[in-house]
Amino acid sequence: MKKVTTGTWVLIADGEKALFLRNDGDEIDFNLTVVSMKEQENPSTREQGTDKPGRFQDDGVQQRSSLDDTDWHRLEKDRFADDLADLLYQRAHRGLYDRIILVASPKVLGELRHKLHKEVESRVLAELPKTLTTVPLDEVEKELQEEFGSPRKSRAPYQTGL
């Protein structure tokens, strides 16, 4: 794996929120700074859909079957992954980052992975299937440091002239 150096970006996302972070520290001590944040208002399906599920005429006399109701909430999460892929491409194309780590819930990471442009794919250092959007930034730094950071070099103990 490539080193997480100064300037490496980190995307932390779930289906409704994304944080774009930049490592202003180095490969040993991460110091993540928020570059931008994107949120999507995504109410539950029952709040978005008001119609009853559809029906269709079945074979047989006077038989009708129900169709599954559309999961609008899930569709919006999928669309959010599309939006993130577009944002990542635009920012890569403008040269805002050279390296990025993708940290997202497993479902979102899977959706995102399929939608990334080749220009973005070439800049992805690593992926982590975890939901960290609700975790405080200092804990995110610790988590990423454990997962991707270089180990600290131990110093020799201080020796006296005895």
C-alpha atoms as a PDB file:
ATOM      1  CA  MET A   1       0.000   0.000   0.000  1.00  0.00           C
ATOM      2  CA  LYS A   2       1.165   3.523  -0.726  1.00  0.00           C
ATOM      3  CA  LYS A   3       1.909   5.843   2.156  1.00  0.00           C
ATOM      4  CA  VAL A   4      -0.660   8.293   3.455  1.00  0.00           C
ATOM      5  CA  THR A   5       1.391  11.453   3.130  1.00  0.00           C
ATOM      6  CA  THR A   6       0.650  15.125   3.636  1.00  0.00           C
ATOM      7  CA  GLY A   7      -2.113  16.217   1.272  1.00  0.00           C
ATOM      8  CA  THR A   8      -3.802  12.818   1.009  1.00  0.00           C
ATOM      9  CA  TRP A   9      -7.572  13.213   0.964  1.00  0.00           C
ATOM     10  CA  VAL A  10     -10.028  11.031   2.862  1.00  0.00           C
ATOM     11  CA  LEU A  11     -13.683  10.663   1.895  1.00  0.00           C
ATOM     12  CA  ILE A  12     -15.907   9.515   4.761  1.00  0.00           C
ATOM     13  CA  ALA A  13     -19.444   8.784   3.592  1.00  0.00           C
ATOM     14  CA  ASP A  14     -22.675   7.001   4.240  1.00  0.00           C
ATOM     15  CA  GLY A  15     -25.876   7.208   2.221  1.00  0.00           C
ATOM     16  CA  GLU A  16     -26.732  10.749   3.330  1.00  0.00           C
ATOM     17  CA  LYS A  17     -23.571  12.533   4.431  1.00  0.00           C
ATOM     18  CA  ALA A  18     -20.028  12.891   3.101  1.00  0.00           C
ATOM     19  CA  LEU A  19     -16.956  14.543   4.590  1.00  0.00           C
ATOM     20  CA  PHE A  20     -13.998  15.443   2.415  1.00  0.00           C
ATOM     21  CA  LEU A  21     -10.903  15.598   4.614  1.00  0.00           C
ATOM     22  CA  ARG A  22      -7.237  16.365   3.928  1.00  0.00           C
ATOM     23  CA  ASN A  23      -4.288  15.045   5.915  1.00  0.00           C
ATOM     24  CA  ASP A  24      -2.279  18.115   6.915  1.00  0.00           C
ATOM     25  CA  GLY A  25      -0.070  15.928   9.097  1.00  0.00           C
ATOM     26  CA  ASP A  26       2.340  13.316   7.858  1.00  0.00           C
ATOM     27  CA  GLU A  27       2.386   9.529   7.498  1.00  0.00           C
ATOM     28  CA  ILE A  28       3.079   9.059  11.209  1.00  0.00           C
ATOM     29  CA  ASP A  29       0.806  11.677  12.787  1.00  0.00           C
ATOM     30  CA  PHE A  30      -2.417  12.299  10.887  1.00  0.00           C
ATOM     31  CA  ASN A  31      -4.024  15.716  11.206  1.00  0.00           C
ATOM     32  CA  LEU A  32      -7.295  15.657   9.270  1.00  0.00           C
ATOM     33  CA  THR A  33      -8.813  18.953   8.198  1.00  0.00           C
ATOM     34  CA  VAL A  34     -12.335  19.246   6.802  1.00  0.00           C
ATOM     35  CA  VAL A  35     -12.185  20.462   3.198  1.00  0.00           C
ATOM     36  CA  SER A  36     -15.932  20.277   2.595  1.00  0.00           C
ATOM     37  CA  MET A  37     -19.098  18.493   3.607  1.00  0.00           C
ATOM     38  CA  LYS A  38     -22.091  17.344   1.605  1.00  0.00           C
ATOM     39  CA  GLU A  39     -25.408  16.301   3.094  1.00  0.00           C
ATOM     40  CA  GLN A  40     -28.514  15.006   1.429  1.00  0.00           C
ATOM     41  CA  GLU A  41     -31.951  15.382   2.905  1.00  0.00           C
ATOM     42  CA  ASN A  42     -33.401  11.897   2.670  1.00  0.00           C
ATOM     43  CA  PRO A  43     -36.650  11.339   4.576  1.00  0.00           C
ATOM     44  CA  SER A  44     -37.944   7.832   5.146  1.00  0.00           C
ATOM     45  CA  THR A  45     -39.822   6.080   2.358  1.00  0.00           C
ATOM     46  CA  ARG A  46     -43.190   6.535   4.068  1.00  0.00           C
ATOM     47  CA  GLU A  47     -42.622  10.297   4.077  1.00  0.00           C
ATOM     48  CA  GLN A  48     -41.595  10.337   0.404  1.00  0.00           C
ATOM     49  CA  GLY A  49     -44.157   7.979  -1.087  1.00  0.00           C
ATOM     50  CA  THR A  50     -47.852   8.561  -0.479  1.00  0.00           C
ATOM     51  CA  ASP A  51     -49.484   6.251  -2.987  1.00  0.00           C
ATOM     52  CA  LYS A  52     -50.611   2.734  -2.230  1.00  0.00           C
ATOM     53  CA  PRO A  53     -48.601  -0.025  -3.906  1.00  0.00           C
ATOM     54  CA  GLY A  54     -49.760  -0.697  -7.461  1.00  0.00           C
ATOM     55  CA  ARG A  55     -51.895  -3.651  -8.526  1.00  0.00           C
ATOM     56  CA  PHE A  56     -52.050  -5.670 -11.692  1.00  0.00           C
ATOM     57  CA  GLN A  57     -54.536  -8.122 -13.168  1.00  0.00           C
ATOM     58  CA  ASP A  58     -53.479 -11.702 -12.570  1.00  0.00           C
ATOM     59  CA  ASP A  59     -54.436 -14.762 -14.572  1.00  0.00           C
ATOM     60  CA  GLY A  60     -57.689 -16.160 -13.360  1.00  0.00           C
ATOM     61  CA  VAL A  61     -61.064 -14.804 -12.495  1.00  0.00           C
ATOM     62  CA  GLN A  62     -61.120 -11.564 -10.552  1.00  0.00           C
ATOM     63  CA  GLN A  63     -57.560 -11.997  -9.266  1.00  0.00           C
ATOM     64  CA  ARG A  64     -55.324  -9.007  -8.639  1.00  0.00           C
ATOM     65  CA  SER A  65     -51.817  -8.974  -7.210  1.00  0.00           C
ATOM     66  CA  SER A  66     -49.963  -6.252  -5.397  1.00  0.00           C
ATOM     67  CA  LEU A  67     -46.635  -4.792  -6.549  1.00  0.00           C
ATOM     68  CA  ASP A  68     -43.805  -3.994  -4.175  1.00  0.00           C
ATOM     69  CA  ASP A  69     -43.705  -0.414  -3.037  1.00  0.00           C
ATOM     70  CA  THR A  70     -40.720   1.599  -4.237  1.00  0.00           C
ATOM     71  CA  ASP A  71     -38.046   2.141  -1.589  1.00  0.00           C
ATOM     72  CA  TRP A  72     -37.498   5.855  -2.200  1.00  0.00           C
ATOM     73  CA  HIS A  73     -35.093   6.114   0.707  1.00  0.00           C
ATOM     74  CA  ARG A  74     -32.804   3.413  -0.805  1.00  0.00           C
ATOM     75  CA  LEU A  75     -33.002   5.056  -4.240  1.00  0.00           C
ATOM     76  CA  GLU A  76     -31.867   8.376  -2.795  1.00  0.00           C
ATOM     77  CA  LYS A  77     -28.903   6.676  -1.121  1.00  0.00           C
ATOM     78  CA  ASP A  78     -27.915   5.171  -4.473  1.00  0.00           C
ATOM     79  CA  ARG A  79     -28.250   8.577  -6.127  1.00  0.00           C
ATOM     80  CA  PHE A  80     -26.058  10.059  -3.412  1.00  0.00           C
ATOM     81  CA  ALA A  81     -23.297   7.616  -4.411  1.00  0.00           C
ATOM     82  CA  ASP A  82     -23.702   8.881  -8.007  1.00  0.00           C
ATOM     83  CA  ASP A  83     -23.340  12.464  -6.794  1.00  0.00           C
ATOM     84  CA  LEU A  84     -20.226  11.589  -4.794  1.00  0.00           C
ATOM     85  CA  ALA A  85     -18.626   9.875  -7.782  1.00  0.00           C
ATOM     86  CA  ASP A  86     -19.288  13.020  -9.858  1.00  0.00           C
ATOM     87  CA  LEU A  87     -17.842  15.277  -7.152  1.00  0.00           C
ATOM     88  CA  LEU A  88     -14.738  13.119  -6.859  1.00  0.00           C
ATOM     89  CA  TYR A  89     -14.242  13.265 -10.624  1.00  0.00           C
ATOM     90  CA  GLN A  90     -14.694  17.042 -10.789  1.00  0.00           C
ATOM     91  CA  ARG A  91     -12.225  17.614  -7.949  1.00  0.00           C
ATOM     92  CA  ALA A  92      -9.679  15.169  -9.382  1.00  0.00           C
ATOM     93  CA  HIS A  93      -9.996  16.776 -12.812  1.00  0.00           C
ATOM     94  CA  ARG A  94      -9.310  20.197 -11.270  1.00  0.00           C
ATOM     95  CA  GLY A  95      -6.229  18.745  -9.560  1.00  0.00           C
ATOM     96  CA  LEU A  96      -7.445  19.291  -6.006  1.00  0.00           C
ATOM     97  CA  TYR A  97      -6.091  15.928  -4.820  1.00  0.00           C
ATOM     98  CA  ASP A  98      -3.597  13.316  -5.981  1.00  0.00           C
ATOM     99  CA  ARG A  99      -4.348  10.581  -3.450  1.00  0.00           C
ATOM    100  CA  ILE A 100      -7.544   9.604  -1.653  1.00  0.00           C
ATOM    101  CA  ILE A 101      -8.775   6.997   0.809  1.00  0.00           C
ATOM    102  CA  LEU A 102     -12.433   5.989   0.545  1.00  0.00           C
ATOM    103  CA  VAL A 103     -14.140   5.203   3.861  1.00  0.00           C
ATOM    104  CA  ALA A 104     -17.830   4.422   3.545  1.00  0.00           C
ATOM    105  CA  SER A 105     -20.511   2.072   4.728  1.00  0.00           C
ATOM    106  CA  PRO A 106     -20.172  -1.232   2.845  1.00  0.00           C
ATOM    107  CA  LYS A 107     -23.283  -0.665   0.709  1.00  0.00           C
ATOM    108  CA  VAL A 108     -22.286   2.890  -0.267  1.00  0.00           C
ATOM    109  CA  LEU A 109     -18.684   1.849  -0.914  1.00  0.00           C
ATOM    110  CA  GLY A 110     -19.915  -0.880  -3.251  1.00  0.00           C
ATOM    111  CA  GLU A 111     -22.158   1.561  -5.134  1.00  0.00           C
ATOM    112  CA  LEU A 112     -19.416   4.178  -5.266  1.00  0.00           C
ATOM    113  CA  ARG A 113     -16.787   1.725  -6.503  1.00  0.00           C
ATOM    114  CA  HIS A 114     -18.897   0.919  -9.585  1.00  0.00           C
ATOM    115  CA  LYS A 115     -19.443   4.578 -10.457  1.00  0.00           C
ATOM    116  CA  LEU A 116     -15.897   5.961 -10.124  1.00  0.00           C
ATOM    117  CA  HIS A 117     -14.226   7.441 -13.173  1.00  0.00           C
ATOM    118  CA  LYS A 118     -10.835   6.000 -14.159  1.00  0.00           C
ATOM    119  CA  GLU A 119      -9.185   9.293 -13.251  1.00  0.00           C
ATOM    120  CA  VAL A 120     -10.455   8.883  -9.687  1.00  0.00           C
ATOM    121  CA  GLU A 121      -9.740   5.125  -9.521  1.00  0.00           C
ATOM    122  CA  SER A 122      -6.074   5.773 -10.260  1.00  0.00           C
ATOM    123  CA  ARG A 123      -5.871   8.058  -7.199  1.00  0.00           C
ATOM    124  CA  VAL A 124      -7.503   5.710  -4.681  1.00  0.00           C
ATOM    125  CA  LEU A 125      -4.885   4.510  -2.178  1.00  0.00           C
ATOM    126  CA  ALA A 126      -7.200   2.318  -0.132  1.00  0.00           C
ATOM    127  CA  GLU A 127     -10.794   1.595   0.818  1.00  0.00           C
ATOM    128  CA  LEU A 128     -12.274   0.937   4.230  1.00  0.00           C
ATOM    129  CA  PRO A 129     -15.842  -0.430   4.509  1.00  0.00           C
ATOM    130  CA  LYS A 130     -16.870   1.318   7.745  1.00  0.00           C
ATOM    131  CA  THR A 131     -19.412   3.910   8.754  1.00  0.00           C
ATOM    132  CA  LEU A 132     -17.512   6.749  10.427  1.00  0.00           C
ATOM    133  CA  THR A 133     -19.719   9.746   9.596  1.00  0.00           C
ATOM    134  CA  THR A 134     -20.998  10.024  13.171  1.00  0.00           C
ATOM    135  CA  VAL A 135     -17.586   9.541  14.819  1.00  0.00           C
ATOM    136  CA  PRO A 136     -15.717  12.616  16.149  1.00  0.00           C
ATOM    137  CA  LEU A 137     -12.771  13.727  13.993  1.00  0.00           C
ATOM    138  CA  ASP A 138     -10.094  12.874  16.575  1.00  0.00           C
ATOM    139  CA  GLU A 139     -11.399   9.294  16.770  1.00  0.00           C
ATOM    140  CA  VAL A 140     -11.490   9.111  12.959  1.00  0.00           C
ATOM    141  CA  GLU A 141      -7.809  10.131  12.944  1.00  0.00           C
ATOM    142  CA  LYS A 142      -6.982   7.356  15.424  1.00  0.00           C
ATOM    143  CA  GLU A 143      -8.955   4.790  13.439  1.00  0.00           C
ATOM    144  CA  LEU A 144      -7.284   5.718  10.159  1.00  0.00           C
ATOM    145  CA  GLN A 145      -3.868   5.940  11.816  1.00  0.00           C
ATOM    146  CA  GLU A 146      -4.244   2.360  13.057  1.00  0.00           C
ATOM    147  CA  GLU A 147      -5.483   1.163   9.676  1.00  0.00           C
ATOM    148  CA  PHE A 148      -3.226   3.061   7.261  1.00  0.00           C
ATOM    149  CA  GLY A 149      -0.527   4.929   9.185  1.00  0.00           C
ATOM    150  CA  SER A 150       3.167   4.188   9.320  1.00  0.00           C
ATOM    151  CA  PRO A 151       4.347   2.834  12.644  1.00  0.00           C
ATOM    152  CA  ARG A 152       6.208   5.188  14.914  1.00  0.00           C
ATOM    153  CA  LYS A 153       9.925   4.643  15.122  1.00  0.00           C
ATOM    154  CA  SER A 154      10.957   3.828  18.654  1.00  0.00           C
ATOM    155  CA  ARG A 155      13.736   5.864  20.122  1.00  0.00           C
ATOM    156  CA  ALA A 156      16.600   4.333  22.039  1.00  0.00           C
ATOM    157  CA  PRO A 157      16.261   4.873  25.768  1.00  0.00           C
ATOM    158  CA  TYR A 158      18.269   7.695  27.222  1.00  0.00           C
ATOM    159  CA  GLN A 159      21.623   6.459  28.430  1.00  0.00           C
ATOM    160  CA  THR A 160      23.716   8.125  31.028  1.00  0.00           C
ATOM    161  CA  GLY A 161      27.491   8.104  31.059  1.00  0.00           C
ATOM    162  CA  LEU A 162      27.725   5.580  33.915  1.00  0.00           C
END
